[in-house]
C-alpha cells in the first residue's frame, strides 16, 4: 500500500510539473502570438491609412486640375465658336490634352496605391484568423472587428476617377474635337489617332 501511494504521489507530482510546464508554454506562446497579432494589425492599418491620406490629397489635386482645365477648354471653345480661329483652338486643345494625360497618369498611380492598400498580403480578417488558432473562444469577436476594419478601408479605397475628371473626359469625347485635331490628315487612320488622343474607349468608338 505504501509503495502504491508513493508511486501515485510521484506520478501526481510529475503531472503537476507537466501542468506547470504546459501553463508556462501556453503563457509564452500566447504572449508571442498576441505581440505578432498587434504588430501585424497595426502595420495593416498604418499602411492603409498612409495610402488613403495620400490618395485623398492627390484626388483633391486631380479634381482641382480637372476643373481648371475644363474652364480653360470651355473658354477657348466659346472663343473658337465666335472667331472660328481653328489654329488658336487647336493649340489650346493640344496643350489641354497634355495636361489631361498627366491627370490620367496621376489618377492611375492613386488607383494602384489604393488597390494595394485594399488587398494586402494579409488582410485584417486573415490576421485575426491566425491569432484565433491559439485563441479560438474569442475568435468570433476578433473576426468581426477584423471585418469592420477591412470594410472601413474598402469604403475609402475607391479607385474610380473623380467626377470632375469623368466630366472632362466626356467633354473631350462628346464635342467632335477629333475633327479639330485632324488638320490636313483626314484619313481613317488620322481620325483614329485623334480619337485615341482625346481618350475614346472601345465602347465609345
Protein backbone atom coordinates (compact mmCIF):
# COMPACT_ATOMS: atom_id res chain seq x y z
CA UNK A 1 0.00 0.00 0.00
CA UNK A 2 2.84 2.39 0.91
CA UNK A 3 4.60 1.64 -2.31
CA UNK A 4 1.43 2.21 -4.33
CA UNK A 5 0.74 5.52 -2.61
CA UNK A 6 4.35 6.60 -3.10
CA UNK A 7 4.13 5.73 -6.77
CA UNK A 8 0.83 7.60 -7.10
CA UNK A 9 2.23 10.69 -5.40
CA UNK A 10 5.30 10.56 -7.64
CA UNK A 11 3.15 10.39 -10.74
CA UNK A 12 0.89 13.18 -9.47
CA UNK A 13 3.96 15.33 -8.85
CA UNK A 14 5.13 14.61 -12.39
CA UNK A 15 1.70 15.56 -13.72
CA UNK A 16 1.77 18.76 -11.67
CA UNK A 17 5.20 19.61 -13.04
CA UNK A 18 4.00 18.90 -16.56
CA UNK A 19 0.97 21.11 -15.87
CA UNK A 20 3.25 23.95 -14.73
CA UNK A 21 5.40 23.47 -17.82
CA UNK A 22 2.32 23.49 -20.05
CA UNK A 23 0.98 26.65 -18.42
CA UNK A 24 4.31 28.37 -18.98
CA UNK A 25 4.43 27.25 -22.61
CA UNK A 26 0.87 28.44 -23.18
CA UNK A 27 1.57 31.77 -21.47
CA UNK A 28 4.73 32.31 -23.53
CA UNK A 29 3.15 31.21 -26.81
CA UNK A 30 0.06 33.36 -26.28
CA UNK A 31 2.22 36.38 -25.41
CA UNK A 32 4.27 35.88 -28.58
CA UNK A 33 1.17 35.39 -30.71
CA UNK A 34 -0.53 38.44 -29.20
CA UNK A 35 2.52 40.56 -29.91
CA UNK A 36 2.66 39.33 -33.51
CA UNK A 37 -1.07 39.95 -33.88
CA UNK A 38 -0.79 43.53 -32.60
CA UNK A 39 2.25 44.30 -34.75
CA UNK A 40 0.68 42.86 -37.93
CA UNK A 41 -2.69 44.53 -37.39
CA UNK A 42 -1.09 47.89 -36.60
CA UNK A 43 1.04 47.62 -39.72
CA UNK A 44 -2.02 46.72 -41.81
CA UNK A 45 -3.95 49.78 -40.61
CA UNK A 46 -0.96 52.12 -40.70
CA UNK A 47 0.00 51.27 -44.28
CA UNK A 48 -3.60 51.58 -45.43
CA UNK A 49 -4.02 54.87 -43.55
CA UNK A 50 -0.93 56.38 -45.16
CA UNK A 51 -2.05 55.29 -48.63
CA UNK A 52 -5.58 56.61 -48.10
CA UNK A 53 -4.49 60.01 -46.78
CA UNK A 54 -2.05 60.47 -49.66
CA UNK A 55 -4.70 59.32 -52.14
CA UNK A 56 -7.29 61.76 -50.77
CA UNK A 57 -4.82 64.64 -51.17
CA UNK A 58 -3.90 63.51 -54.68
CA UNK A 59 -7.55 63.11 -55.73
CA UNK A 60 -8.32 66.62 -54.47
CA UNK A 61 -5.43 67.96 -56.56
CA UNK A 62 -6.62 65.98 -59.61
CA UNK A 63 -10.15 67.30 -59.19
CA UNK A 64 -8.87 70.86 -58.94
CA UNK A 65 -6.72 70.34 -62.02
CA UNK A 66 -9.58 68.85 -63.99
CA UNK A 67 -11.83 71.75 -63.03
CA UNK A 68 -9.21 74.30 -64.10
CA UNK A 69 -8.61 72.51 -67.40
CA UNK A 70 -12.34 72.32 -68.06
CA UNK A 71 -12.69 76.05 -67.52
CA UNK A 72 -9.79 76.84 -69.82
CA UNK A 73 -11.04 74.49 -72.55
CA UNK A 74 -14.63 75.74 -72.36
CA UNK A 75 -13.42 79.34 -72.62
CA UNK A 76 -11.27 78.50 -75.65
CA UNK A 77 -14.15 76.57 -77.21
CA UNK A 78 -16.51 79.53 -76.82
CA UNK A 79 -13.90 81.83 -78.33
CA UNK A 80 -13.44 79.45 -81.25
CA UNK A 81 -17.21 79.36 -81.79
CA UNK A 82 -17.12 83.14 -82.20
CA UNK A 83 -13.91 83.76 -84.15
CA UNK A 84 -13.60 80.38 -85.92
CA UNK A 85 -9.81 80.52 -85.39
CA UNK A 86 -9.06 76.81 -85.61
CA UNK A 87 -5.29 77.22 -85.25
CA UNK A 88 -5.69 79.02 -81.95
CA UNK A 89 -8.18 76.46 -80.65
CA UNK A 90 -6.07 73.55 -81.86
CA UNK A 91 -3.14 74.88 -79.85
CA UNK A 92 -5.25 75.17 -76.71
CA UNK A 93 -6.73 71.71 -77.24
CA UNK A 94 -3.36 70.06 -77.75
CA UNK A 95 -1.97 71.78 -74.66
CA UNK A 96 -5.05 70.67 -72.74
CA UNK A 97 -4.63 67.06 -73.82
CA UNK A 98 -1.09 67.05 -72.45
CA UNK A 99 -2.42 68.23 -69.09
CA UNK A 100 -5.26 65.72 -69.18
CA UNK A 101 -2.81 62.89 -69.82
CA UNK A 102 -0.87 63.98 -66.74
CA UNK A 103 -4.09 63.83 -64.70
CA UNK A 104 -4.81 60.35 -66.08
CA UNK A 105 -1.36 59.17 -65.05
CA UNK A 106 -1.74 60.71 -61.60
CA UNK A 107 -5.08 59.01 -61.15
CA UNK A 108 -3.58 55.71 -62.29
CA UNK A 109 -0.94 55.99 -59.57
CA UNK A 110 -3.59 56.81 -56.97
CA UNK A 111 -5.77 53.87 -58.04
CA UNK A 112 -2.80 51.47 -57.88
CA UNK A 113 -1.92 52.71 -54.40
CA UNK A 114 -5.50 52.22 -53.16
CA UNK A 115 -5.79 48.76 -54.69
CA UNK A 116 -2.57 47.77 -52.93
CA UNK A 117 -3.91 49.13 -49.63
CA UNK A 118 -7.21 47.31 -50.12
CA UNK A 119 -5.63 43.93 -50.96
CA UNK A 120 -2.51 43.50 -48.77
CA UNK A 121 -0.56 40.29 -48.41
CA UNK A 122 -2.64 39.56 -45.31
CA UNK A 123 -5.96 41.23 -44.57
CA UNK A 124 -7.19 42.10 -41.09
CA UNK A 125 -9.51 39.06 -41.21
CA UNK A 126 -6.62 36.75 -42.04
CA UNK A 127 -4.55 38.25 -39.22
CA UNK A 128 -7.38 37.58 -36.79
CA UNK A 129 -7.85 34.04 -38.11
CA UNK A 130 -4.19 33.28 -37.49
CA UNK A 131 -4.46 34.63 -33.97
CA UNK A 132 -7.69 32.68 -33.41
CA UNK A 133 -5.83 29.39 -33.91
CA UNK A 134 -4.45 29.88 -30.41
CA UNK A 135 -7.43 31.78 -29.02
CA UNK A 136 -10.49 30.13 -30.58
CA UNK A 137 -13.01 31.10 -27.90
CA UNK A 138 -12.61 34.81 -28.71
CA UNK A 139 -12.19 34.31 -32.47
CA UNK A 140 -15.73 35.38 -33.34
CA UNK A 141 -15.33 38.83 -31.84
CA UNK A 142 -11.86 39.33 -33.33
CA UNK A 143 -13.01 38.28 -36.80
CA UNK A 144 -15.93 40.70 -36.59
CA UNK A 145 -13.55 43.50 -35.66
CA UNK A 146 -11.21 42.49 -38.47
CA UNK A 147 -14.08 42.60 -40.96
CA UNK A 148 -15.08 46.03 -39.72
CA UNK A 149 -11.53 47.26 -40.32
CA UNK A 150 -11.47 45.81 -43.83
CA UNK A 151 -14.88 47.33 -44.60
CA UNK A 152 -13.75 50.80 -43.49
CA UNK A 153 -10.60 50.56 -45.62
CA UNK A 154 -12.56 49.19 -48.58
CA UNK A 155 -15.06 52.09 -48.38
CA UNK A 156 -12.21 54.66 -48.51
CA UNK A 157 -10.32 52.83 -51.29
CA UNK A 158 -12.41 53.98 -54.20
CA UNK A 159 -10.14 53.60 -57.22
CA UNK A 160 -12.69 55.23 -59.51
CA UNK A 161 -11.74 58.60 -61.03
CA UNK A 162 -13.13 61.82 -59.60
CA UNK A 163 -16.35 63.17 -61.08
CA UNK A 164 -14.50 66.22 -62.41
CA UNK A 165 -12.14 64.03 -64.43
CA UNK A 166 -15.06 61.93 -65.72
CA UNK A 167 -16.87 65.08 -66.82
CA UNK A 168 -13.74 66.36 -68.56
CA UNK A 169 -13.29 63.03 -70.37
CA UNK A 170 -16.92 63.20 -71.55
CA UNK A 171 -16.46 66.79 -72.68
CA UNK A 172 -13.45 65.80 -74.77
CA UNK A 173 -15.24 62.91 -76.43
CA UNK A 174 -18.70 64.40 -76.97
CA UNK A 175 -17.88 67.62 -78.83
CA UNK A 176 -16.30 66.37 -82.07
CA UNK A 177 -12.84 67.64 -81.17
CA UNK A 178 -11.25 64.86 -83.23
CA UNK A 179 -12.05 66.93 -86.31
CA UNK A 180 -10.07 69.83 -84.85
CA UNK A 181 -7.06 67.60 -84.29
CA UNK A 182 -7.09 66.15 -87.81
CA UNK A 183 -5.57 69.23 -89.50
CA UNK A 184 -4.73 68.17 -93.07
CA UNK A 185 -4.83 64.44 -92.33
CA UNK A 186 -8.45 63.40 -92.91
CA UNK A 187 -7.72 59.69 -93.29
CA UNK A 188 -9.37 56.99 -91.20
CA UNK A 189 -6.02 56.35 -89.53
CA UNK A 190 -5.69 60.03 -88.70
CA UNK A 191 -9.21 60.05 -87.28
CA UNK A 192 -8.48 57.02 -85.09
CA UNK A 193 -5.27 58.63 -83.85
CA UNK A 194 -7.12 61.84 -82.95
CA UNK A 195 -9.82 59.87 -81.14
CA UNK A 196 -7.18 57.98 -79.15
CA UNK A 197 -5.59 61.31 -78.16
CA UNK A 198 -8.93 62.50 -76.88
CA UNK A 199 -9.36 59.36 -74.82
CA UNK A 200 -12.08 57.49 -76.71
CA UNK A 201 -12.58 53.98 -75.36
CA UNK A 202 -13.51 50.96 -77.44
CA UNK A 203 -17.09 51.27 -76.25
CA UNK A 204 -17.32 54.90 -77.41
CA UNK A 205 -15.90 54.08 -80.81
